[in-house]
């Protein structure tokens, strides 16, 4: 079974930054992730930074069916996420837009979901608004038009890497 590992503050950053009452926003995110876990059934871990004002040891709580982990003082959430990606390997899906984290997780076989993409799935259960769907369709046409005219095969077929990513993301 796929284990979902979420970079908490990275996802909050997609929602408009970390200004205002961060604790209230963090609690709201935890509630939303718990609802997502109930709908989808995936084990879910959300990781928050504790490196500036955290405790001396990493600690985690089980809240509403999800594991909430705070990195220890002096350690970033990225380090914890990398450790989890290494532990779960291809059984993990990492939600982050941090290039270093996603590159590390991808190298260990994890599925990568950008924070913006996951935010859309979190609220719309995978549904895309019409304008975004049209933009995605236009991008797809542009990709197809850029193909080498000497290549053989079905010109309407998307590249293998795009098809693989689409297949992986359909689960979420």
N, C-alpha and C. Protein backbone atom coordinates (compact mmCIF):
# COMPACT_ATOMS: atom_id res chain seq x y z
N UNK A 1 0.84 -1.19 0.00
CA UNK A 1 0.00 0.00 0.00
C UNK A 1 0.88 1.24 0.00
N UNK A 2 0.48 2.24 -0.74
CA UNK A 2 1.23 3.49 -0.85
C UNK A 2 1.10 4.29 0.45
N UNK A 3 2.23 4.80 0.93
CA UNK A 3 2.26 5.65 2.12
C UNK A 3 2.49 7.08 1.64
N UNK A 4 1.59 7.97 1.97
CA UNK A 4 1.66 9.37 1.54
C UNK A 4 2.46 10.17 2.57
N UNK A 5 3.53 10.84 2.13
CA UNK A 5 4.37 11.67 2.99
C UNK A 5 4.23 13.11 2.51
N UNK A 6 3.73 13.99 3.38
CA UNK A 6 3.42 15.37 3.00
C UNK A 6 4.35 16.35 3.70
N UNK A 7 4.94 17.26 2.93
CA UNK A 7 5.74 18.37 3.47
C UNK A 7 4.75 19.44 3.90
N UNK A 8 4.46 19.50 5.19
CA UNK A 8 3.38 20.33 5.72
C UNK A 8 3.51 21.81 5.42
N UNK A 9 4.66 22.41 5.75
CA UNK A 9 4.80 23.85 5.52
C UNK A 9 4.91 24.18 4.04
N UNK A 10 5.41 23.25 3.25
CA UNK A 10 5.46 23.45 1.80
C UNK A 10 4.04 23.53 1.25
N UNK A 11 3.18 22.66 1.72
CA UNK A 11 1.77 22.67 1.28
C UNK A 11 1.06 23.93 1.78
N UNK A 12 1.36 24.35 3.01
CA UNK A 12 0.77 25.60 3.50
C UNK A 12 1.27 26.79 2.68
N UNK A 13 2.50 26.74 2.22
CA UNK A 13 3.06 27.82 1.39
C UNK A 13 2.30 27.97 0.09
N UNK A 14 1.84 26.86 -0.47
CA UNK A 14 1.05 26.89 -1.70
C UNK A 14 -0.29 27.57 -1.46
N UNK A 15 -0.75 27.48 -0.24
CA UNK A 15 -2.05 28.07 0.12
C UNK A 15 -1.98 29.56 0.42
N UNK A 16 -0.84 30.17 0.23
CA UNK A 16 -0.77 31.62 0.45
C UNK A 16 0.29 32.04 1.42
N UNK A 17 1.24 31.19 1.69
CA UNK A 17 2.35 31.58 2.55
C UNK A 17 2.11 31.24 4.01
N UNK A 18 3.09 31.61 4.80
CA UNK A 18 3.05 31.27 6.23
C UNK A 18 2.86 32.51 7.09
N UNK A 19 2.03 33.41 6.61
CA UNK A 19 1.73 34.62 7.37
C UNK A 19 0.47 34.39 8.20
N UNK A 20 0.30 35.21 9.22
CA UNK A 20 -0.89 35.11 10.04
C UNK A 20 -0.76 34.06 11.11
N UNK A 21 -1.88 33.48 11.49
CA UNK A 21 -1.92 32.47 12.55
C UNK A 21 -1.53 31.11 11.97
N UNK A 22 -0.22 30.83 11.99
CA UNK A 22 0.30 29.60 11.38
C UNK A 22 -0.24 28.37 12.10
N UNK A 23 -0.37 28.45 13.42
CA UNK A 23 -0.87 27.29 14.17
C UNK A 23 -2.29 26.92 13.74
N UNK A 24 -3.15 27.91 13.57
CA UNK A 24 -4.53 27.63 13.14
C UNK A 24 -4.55 27.05 11.72
N UNK A 25 -3.70 27.57 10.86
CA UNK A 25 -3.62 27.06 9.48
C UNK A 25 -3.09 25.63 9.47
N UNK A 26 -2.12 25.35 10.34
CA UNK A 26 -1.57 24.00 10.45
C UNK A 26 -2.64 23.03 10.93
N UNK A 27 -3.43 23.42 11.91
CA UNK A 27 -4.49 22.56 12.43
C UNK A 27 -5.57 22.31 11.36
N UNK A 28 -5.90 23.34 10.59
CA UNK A 28 -6.88 23.18 9.51
C UNK A 28 -6.35 22.20 8.46
N UNK A 29 -5.06 22.30 8.14
CA UNK A 29 -4.45 21.39 7.18
C UNK A 29 -4.50 19.95 7.69
N UNK A 30 -4.20 19.76 8.96
CA UNK A 30 -4.25 18.41 9.54
C UNK A 30 -5.65 17.84 9.44
N UNK A 31 -6.67 18.64 9.71
CA UNK A 31 -8.07 18.17 9.59
C UNK A 31 -8.40 17.78 8.15
N UNK A 32 -7.96 18.62 7.20
CA UNK A 32 -8.23 18.32 5.79
C UNK A 32 -7.51 17.04 5.34
N UNK A 33 -6.26 16.87 5.79
CA UNK A 33 -5.51 15.66 5.44
C UNK A 33 -6.15 14.42 6.06
N UNK A 34 -6.69 14.57 7.26
CA UNK A 34 -7.38 13.44 7.90
C UNK A 34 -8.62 13.06 7.10
N UNK A 35 -9.34 14.04 6.59
CA UNK A 35 -10.50 13.77 5.74
C UNK A 35 -10.09 13.09 4.45
N UNK A 36 -8.98 13.53 3.87
CA UNK A 36 -8.47 12.92 2.64
C UNK A 36 -8.09 11.47 2.90
N UNK A 37 -7.43 11.22 4.03
CA UNK A 37 -7.04 9.85 4.38
C UNK A 37 -8.26 8.95 4.53
N UNK A 38 -9.30 9.48 5.12
CA UNK A 38 -10.53 8.70 5.29
C UNK A 38 -11.16 8.37 3.93
N UNK A 39 -11.16 9.33 3.01
CA UNK A 39 -11.75 9.10 1.68
C UNK A 39 -10.93 8.11 0.86
N UNK A 40 -9.60 8.26 0.91
CA UNK A 40 -8.72 7.48 0.04
C UNK A 40 -8.18 6.21 0.70
N UNK A 41 -8.04 6.22 2.02
CA UNK A 41 -7.57 5.03 2.72
C UNK A 41 -6.06 4.84 2.77
N UNK A 42 -5.28 5.81 2.30
CA UNK A 42 -3.82 5.68 2.32
C UNK A 42 -3.28 6.06 3.70
N UNK A 43 -2.28 5.33 4.20
CA UNK A 43 -1.60 5.81 5.40
C UNK A 43 -0.93 7.14 5.06
N UNK A 44 -0.97 8.10 5.98
CA UNK A 44 -0.51 9.44 5.67
C UNK A 44 0.35 9.99 6.82
N UNK A 45 1.49 10.56 6.48
CA UNK A 45 2.37 11.22 7.44
C UNK A 45 2.58 12.65 6.95
N UNK A 46 2.35 13.62 7.82
CA UNK A 46 2.63 15.02 7.48
C UNK A 46 3.79 15.46 8.37
N UNK A 47 4.78 16.11 7.74
CA UNK A 47 6.01 16.49 8.45
C UNK A 47 6.11 18.02 8.49
N UNK A 48 6.35 18.55 9.69
CA UNK A 48 6.54 19.99 9.88
C UNK A 48 7.93 20.25 10.43
N UNK A 49 8.48 21.43 10.11
CA UNK A 49 9.78 21.83 10.63
C UNK A 49 9.69 22.10 12.11
N UNK A 50 10.69 21.66 12.83
CA UNK A 50 10.83 22.00 14.24
C UNK A 50 12.26 22.45 14.50
N UNK A 51 13.01 22.72 13.43
CA UNK A 51 14.45 22.96 13.56
C UNK A 51 14.80 24.26 14.26
N UNK A 52 13.94 25.25 14.24
CA UNK A 52 14.24 26.51 14.93
C UNK A 52 13.83 26.49 16.39
N UNK A 53 12.63 26.03 16.65
CA UNK A 53 12.12 26.10 18.02
C UNK A 53 11.57 24.77 18.48
N UNK A 54 12.01 23.70 17.86
CA UNK A 54 11.50 22.38 18.19
C UNK A 54 12.13 21.81 19.44
N UNK A 55 11.77 20.57 19.71
CA UNK A 55 12.30 19.87 20.87
C UNK A 55 13.64 19.23 20.49
N UNK A 56 14.34 18.72 21.49
CA UNK A 56 15.66 18.13 21.26
C UNK A 56 15.57 16.83 20.46
N UNK A 57 14.42 16.17 20.50
CA UNK A 57 14.25 14.93 19.74
C UNK A 57 13.04 15.07 18.83
N UNK A 58 13.09 14.35 17.73
CA UNK A 58 11.96 14.33 16.79
C UNK A 58 10.77 13.71 17.51
N UNK A 59 9.60 14.28 17.32
CA UNK A 59 8.43 13.69 17.95
C UNK A 59 7.26 13.69 16.99
N UNK A 60 6.39 12.75 17.21
CA UNK A 60 5.22 12.62 16.35
C UNK A 60 3.99 12.30 17.16
N UNK A 61 2.86 12.67 16.64
CA UNK A 61 1.58 12.40 17.28
C UNK A 61 0.69 11.71 16.25
N UNK A 62 -0.23 10.92 16.72
CA UNK A 62 -1.28 10.37 15.85
C UNK A 62 -2.51 11.21 16.11
N UNK A 63 -2.96 11.92 15.07
CA UNK A 63 -4.13 12.77 15.22
C UNK A 63 -5.09 12.50 14.07
N UNK A 64 -6.30 12.16 14.44
CA UNK A 64 -7.37 11.93 13.46
C UNK A 64 -6.95 10.91 12.40
N UNK A 65 -6.14 9.93 12.81
CA UNK A 65 -5.76 8.86 11.90
C UNK A 65 -4.53 9.11 11.05
N UNK A 66 -3.90 10.27 11.22
CA UNK A 66 -2.67 10.53 10.46
C UNK A 66 -1.53 10.77 11.45
N UNK A 67 -0.32 10.49 10.98
CA UNK A 67 0.85 10.73 11.79
C UNK A 67 1.36 12.14 11.52
N UNK A 68 1.51 12.93 12.57
CA UNK A 68 2.01 14.29 12.47
C UNK A 68 3.40 14.30 13.10
N UNK A 69 4.43 14.58 12.30
CA UNK A 69 5.81 14.53 12.77
C UNK A 69 6.40 15.94 12.76
N UNK A 70 7.08 16.29 13.84
CA UNK A 70 7.81 17.55 13.94
C UNK A 70 9.29 17.20 14.02
N UNK A 71 10.10 17.75 13.12
CA UNK A 71 11.53 17.46 13.15
C UNK A 71 12.13 18.02 14.44
N UNK A 72 13.26 17.45 14.84
CA UNK A 72 13.90 17.92 16.07
C UNK A 72 14.60 19.26 15.82
N UNK A 73 14.95 19.92 16.90
CA UNK A 73 15.65 21.20 16.80
C UNK A 73 16.96 20.99 16.06
N UNK A 74 17.23 21.82 15.06
CA UNK A 74 18.45 21.71 14.27
C UNK A 74 18.30 20.81 13.05
N UNK A 75 17.15 20.19 12.86
CA UNK A 75 16.91 19.31 11.72
C UNK A 75 15.71 19.83 10.94
N UNK A 76 15.81 19.86 9.63
CA UNK A 76 14.71 20.37 8.82
C UNK A 76 13.72 19.24 8.53
N UNK A 77 12.53 19.63 8.14
CA UNK A 77 11.51 18.65 7.74
C UNK A 77 11.98 17.91 6.49
N UNK A 78 12.75 18.58 5.64
CA UNK A 78 13.27 17.94 4.42
C UNK A 78 14.08 16.70 4.75
N UNK A 79 14.88 16.76 5.81
CA UNK A 79 15.68 15.62 6.22
C UNK A 79 14.80 14.46 6.64
N UNK A 80 13.75 14.76 7.39
CA UNK A 80 12.81 13.72 7.83
C UNK A 80 12.09 13.11 6.63
N UNK A 81 11.67 13.95 5.69
CA UNK A 81 10.96 13.46 4.50
C UNK A 81 11.89 12.57 3.68
N UNK A 82 13.14 12.97 3.53
CA UNK A 82 14.10 12.14 2.79
C UNK A 82 14.26 10.78 3.47
N UNK A 83 14.35 10.80 4.78
CA UNK A 83 14.50 9.54 5.53
C UNK A 83 13.28 8.64 5.31
N UNK A 84 12.08 9.23 5.33
CA UNK A 84 10.86 8.45 5.10
C UNK A 84 10.80 7.92 3.66
N UNK A 85 11.22 8.75 2.70
CA UNK A 85 11.23 8.32 1.29
C UNK A 85 12.19 7.16 1.11
N UNK A 86 13.31 7.21 1.79
CA UNK A 86 14.29 6.12 1.71
C UNK A 86 13.73 4.86 2.37
N UNK A 87 13.03 5.03 3.49
CA UNK A 87 12.46 3.90 4.22
C UNK A 87 11.38 3.20 3.41
N UNK A 88 10.44 3.96 2.84
CA UNK A 88 9.31 3.38 2.12
C UNK A 88 9.62 3.08 0.66
N UNK A 89 10.59 3.79 0.08
CA UNK A 89 10.99 3.55 -1.31
C UNK A 89 9.84 3.71 -2.28
N UNK A 90 9.61 2.68 -3.09
CA UNK A 90 8.57 2.76 -4.12
C UNK A 90 7.16 2.66 -3.53
N UNK A 91 7.06 2.40 -2.24
CA UNK A 91 5.75 2.37 -1.59
C UNK A 91 5.35 3.73 -1.03
N UNK A 92 6.10 4.77 -1.39
CA UNK A 92 5.81 6.12 -0.89
C UNK A 92 5.42 7.05 -2.03
N UNK A 93 4.58 8.00 -1.69
CA UNK A 93 4.27 9.12 -2.57
C UNK A 93 4.60 10.37 -1.75
N UNK A 94 5.51 11.18 -2.25
CA UNK A 94 5.98 12.36 -1.52
C UNK A 94 5.33 13.61 -2.11
N UNK A 95 4.70 14.39 -1.23
CA UNK A 95 4.06 15.64 -1.63
C UNK A 95 4.97 16.78 -1.21
N UNK A 96 5.63 17.39 -2.20
CA UNK A 96 6.52 18.52 -1.93
C UNK A 96 6.84 19.20 -3.25
N UNK A 97 7.18 20.47 -3.17
CA UNK A 97 7.63 21.20 -4.36
C UNK A 97 9.11 21.55 -4.23
N UNK A 98 9.76 21.05 -3.20
CA UNK A 98 11.18 21.28 -2.98
C UNK A 98 11.97 20.36 -3.91
N UNK A 99 12.76 20.95 -4.79
CA UNK A 99 13.47 20.16 -5.81
C UNK A 99 14.43 19.14 -5.21
N UNK A 100 15.13 19.53 -4.17
CA UNK A 100 16.09 18.61 -3.55
C UNK A 100 15.36 17.39 -2.97
N UNK A 101 14.26 17.64 -2.29
CA UNK A 101 13.48 16.55 -1.69
C UNK A 101 12.90 15.65 -2.77
N UNK A 102 12.32 16.25 -3.79
CA UNK A 102 11.69 15.44 -4.84
C UNK A 102 12.72 14.63 -5.63
N UNK A 103 13.89 15.21 -5.88
CA UNK A 103 14.93 14.48 -6.60
C UNK A 103 15.40 13.28 -5.78
N UNK A 104 15.57 13.48 -4.47
CA UNK A 104 16.00 12.39 -3.60
C UNK A 104 14.94 11.29 -3.55
N UNK A 105 13.68 11.69 -3.37
CA UNK A 105 12.59 10.71 -3.29
C UNK A 105 12.44 9.95 -4.60
N UNK A 106 12.54 10.65 -5.72
CA UNK A 106 12.43 10.01 -7.03
C UNK A 106 13.56 8.99 -7.21
N UNK A 107 14.77 9.33 -6.75
CA UNK A 107 15.91 8.42 -6.85
C UNK A 107 15.70 7.15 -6.04
N UNK A 108 14.85 7.23 -5.01
CA UNK A 108 14.56 6.05 -4.18
C UNK A 108 13.26 5.37 -4.60
N UNK A 109 12.72 5.76 -5.75
CA UNK A 109 11.56 5.07 -6.31
C UNK A 109 10.20 5.61 -5.90
N UNK A 110 10.17 6.69 -5.14
CA UNK A 110 8.90 7.24 -4.68
C UNK A 110 8.19 7.99 -5.80
N UNK A 111 6.88 8.01 -5.73
CA UNK A 111 6.07 8.82 -6.63
C UNK A 111 6.11 10.25 -6.10
N UNK A 112 6.20 11.22 -6.99
CA UNK A 112 6.29 12.63 -6.60
C UNK A 112 5.01 13.34 -7.01
N UNK A 113 4.45 14.09 -6.07
CA UNK A 113 3.28 14.93 -6.35
C UNK A 113 3.64 16.34 -5.88
N UNK A 114 3.56 17.31 -6.77
CA UNK A 114 3.88 18.67 -6.35
C UNK A 114 2.81 19.16 -5.38
N UNK A 115 3.19 20.10 -4.53
CA UNK A 115 2.24 20.61 -3.53
C UNK A 115 1.02 21.24 -4.19
N UNK A 116 1.22 21.97 -5.29
CA UNK A 116 0.09 22.58 -5.99
C UNK A 116 -0.85 21.55 -6.57
N UNK A 117 -0.30 20.50 -7.13
CA UNK A 117 -1.09 19.42 -7.71
C UNK A 117 -1.89 18.70 -6.61
N UNK A 118 -1.23 18.46 -5.47
CA UNK A 118 -1.92 17.79 -4.37
C UNK A 118 -3.01 18.68 -3.78
N UNK A 119 -2.74 19.97 -3.70
CA UNK A 119 -3.74 20.92 -3.18
C UNK A 119 -5.01 20.83 -4.02
N UNK A 120 -4.85 20.74 -5.34
CA UNK A 120 -6.01 20.61 -6.23
C UNK A 120 -6.76 19.31 -5.95
N UNK A 121 -6.02 18.24 -5.77
CA UNK A 121 -6.63 16.93 -5.50
C UNK A 121 -7.29 16.91 -4.12
N UNK A 122 -6.69 17.60 -3.16
CA UNK A 122 -7.21 17.65 -1.81
C UNK A 122 -8.58 18.31 -1.77
N UNK A 123 -8.74 19.36 -2.56
CA UNK A 123 -10.02 20.09 -2.55
C UNK A 123 -11.02 19.58 -3.56
N UNK A 124 -10.53 19.08 -4.70
CA UNK A 124 -11.45 18.69 -5.74
C UNK A 124 -11.50 17.21 -6.01
N UNK A 125 -10.81 16.43 -5.19
CA UNK A 125 -10.75 14.97 -5.38
C UNK A 125 -10.36 14.64 -6.82
N UNK A 126 -9.44 15.46 -7.38
CA UNK A 126 -8.93 15.17 -8.71
C UNK A 126 -9.62 15.94 -9.82
N UNK A 127 -10.71 16.64 -9.52
CA UNK A 127 -11.42 17.38 -10.56
C UNK A 127 -10.67 18.67 -10.88
N UNK A 128 -10.53 18.96 -12.16
CA UNK A 128 -9.86 20.20 -12.56
C UNK A 128 -10.91 21.19 -13.05
N UNK A 129 -10.79 22.45 -12.65
CA UNK A 129 -11.70 23.45 -13.20
C UNK A 129 -11.55 23.52 -14.72
N UNK A 130 -12.60 23.95 -15.40
CA UNK A 130 -12.63 23.98 -16.87
C UNK A 130 -11.45 24.76 -17.43
N UNK A 131 -11.15 25.94 -16.89
CA UNK A 131 -10.07 26.77 -17.43
C UNK A 131 -8.73 26.05 -17.30
N UNK A 132 -8.47 25.39 -16.17
CA UNK A 132 -7.22 24.68 -15.99
C UNK A 132 -7.15 23.48 -16.91
N UNK A 133 -8.30 22.80 -17.12
CA UNK A 133 -8.33 21.64 -18.01
C UNK A 133 -8.02 22.09 -19.43
N UNK A 134 -8.58 23.22 -19.84
CA UNK A 134 -8.32 23.73 -21.19
C UNK A 134 -6.85 24.07 -21.34
N UNK A 135 -6.26 24.70 -20.32
CA UNK A 135 -4.83 25.04 -20.37
C UNK A 135 -3.99 23.78 -20.46
N UNK A 136 -4.35 22.74 -19.73
CA UNK A 136 -3.61 21.48 -19.79
C UNK A 136 -3.74 20.85 -21.17
N UNK A 137 -4.92 20.92 -21.76
CA UNK A 137 -5.11 20.37 -23.09
C UNK A 137 -4.28 21.13 -24.12
N UNK A 138 -4.19 22.46 -23.96
CA UNK A 138 -3.38 23.29 -24.86
C UNK A 138 -1.90 22.93 -24.73
N UNK A 139 -1.45 22.72 -23.48
CA UNK A 139 -0.05 22.33 -23.26
C UNK A 139 0.24 20.99 -23.93
N UNK A 140 -0.71 20.08 -23.84
CA UNK A 140 -0.56 18.76 -24.44
C UNK A 140 -0.40 18.88 -25.96
N UNK A 141 -1.22 19.73 -26.58
CA UNK A 141 -1.11 19.95 -28.02
C UNK A 141 0.25 20.54 -28.38
N UNK A 142 0.74 21.50 -27.56
CA UNK A 142 2.05 22.10 -27.81
C UNK A 142 3.15 21.05 -27.76
N UNK A 143 3.07 20.15 -26.79
CA UNK A 143 4.08 19.10 -26.67
C UNK A 143 4.07 18.20 -27.90
N UNK A 144 2.89 17.88 -28.34
CA UNK A 144 2.77 17.01 -29.51
C UNK A 144 3.32 17.71 -30.77
N UNK A 145 3.10 19.01 -30.87
CA UNK A 145 3.55 19.76 -32.04
C UNK A 145 5.08 19.88 -32.06
N UNK A 146 5.73 19.80 -30.91
CA UNK A 146 7.17 19.96 -30.85
C UNK A 146 7.92 18.67 -31.17
N UNK A 147 7.24 17.59 -31.37
CA UNK A 147 7.90 16.32 -31.68
C UNK A 147 8.62 16.39 -33.01
N UNK A 148 9.64 15.61 -33.12
CA UNK A 148 10.45 15.52 -34.33
C UNK A 148 9.60 14.91 -35.44
N UNK A 149 9.48 15.58 -36.59
CA UNK A 149 8.63 15.06 -37.66
C UNK A 149 9.14 13.75 -38.25
N UNK A 150 10.42 13.40 -38.04
CA UNK A 150 10.97 12.17 -38.58
C UNK A 150 10.61 10.94 -37.74
N UNK A 151 10.11 11.17 -36.53
CA UNK A 151 9.79 10.06 -35.65
C UNK A 151 8.59 9.28 -36.18
N UNK A 152 8.63 7.99 -35.93
CA UNK A 152 7.52 7.14 -36.33
C UNK A 152 6.64 6.89 -35.12
N UNK A 153 5.50 6.33 -35.36
CA UNK A 153 4.60 6.00 -34.26
C UNK A 153 3.40 6.93 -34.23
N UNK A 154 2.60 6.72 -33.24
CA UNK A 154 1.37 7.48 -33.08
C UNK A 154 1.68 8.90 -32.61
N UNK A 155 1.43 9.92 -33.42
CA UNK A 155 1.76 11.29 -33.02
C UNK A 155 0.84 11.83 -31.92
N UNK A 156 -0.29 11.16 -31.70
CA UNK A 156 -1.22 11.62 -30.67
C UNK A 156 -0.89 11.03 -29.31
N UNK A 157 0.01 10.08 -29.26
CA UNK A 157 0.37 9.42 -28.02
C UNK A 157 1.37 10.28 -27.25
N UNK A 158 1.09 10.49 -25.97
CA UNK A 158 1.98 11.28 -25.13
C UNK A 158 3.28 10.51 -24.86
N UNK A 159 4.34 11.21 -24.52
CA UNK A 159 5.60 10.54 -24.18
C UNK A 159 5.41 9.56 -23.01
N UNK A 160 6.24 8.54 -22.99
CA UNK A 160 6.14 7.49 -21.99
C UNK A 160 6.22 8.05 -20.57
N UNK A 161 7.12 9.00 -20.32
CA UNK A 161 7.26 9.55 -18.97
C UNK A 161 5.99 10.26 -18.51
N UNK A 162 5.33 10.94 -19.43
CA UNK A 162 4.08 11.65 -19.10
C UNK A 162 2.97 10.63 -18.83
N UNK A 163 2.91 9.58 -19.64
CA UNK A 163 1.89 8.53 -19.43
C UNK A 163 2.11 7.82 -18.10
N UNK A 164 3.37 7.56 -17.73
CA UNK A 164 3.67 6.91 -16.45
C UNK A 164 3.23 7.78 -15.28
N UNK A 165 3.58 9.05 -15.33
CA UNK A 165 3.20 9.96 -14.25
C UNK A 165 1.69 10.06 -14.12
N UNK A 166 1.00 10.12 -15.25
CA UNK A 166 -0.47 10.20 -15.23
C UNK A 166 -1.05 8.95 -14.58
N UNK A 167 -0.52 7.79 -14.92
CA UNK A 167 -0.99 6.52 -14.33
C UNK A 167 -0.78 6.51 -12.83
N UNK A 168 0.40 6.97 -12.38
CA UNK A 168 0.69 6.98 -10.96
C UNK A 168 -0.23 7.93 -10.20
N UNK A 169 -0.50 9.09 -10.80
CA UNK A 169 -1.30 10.08 -10.10
C UNK A 169 -2.79 9.77 -10.09
N UNK A 170 -3.24 8.89 -10.98
CA UNK A 170 -4.67 8.54 -10.99
C UNK A 170 -5.11 7.91 -9.69
N UNK A 171 -4.15 7.27 -8.99
CA UNK A 171 -4.48 6.64 -7.71
C UNK A 171 -4.87 7.65 -6.64
N UNK A 172 -4.39 8.86 -6.78
CA UNK A 172 -4.62 9.86 -5.74
C UNK A 172 -5.76 10.74 -6.12
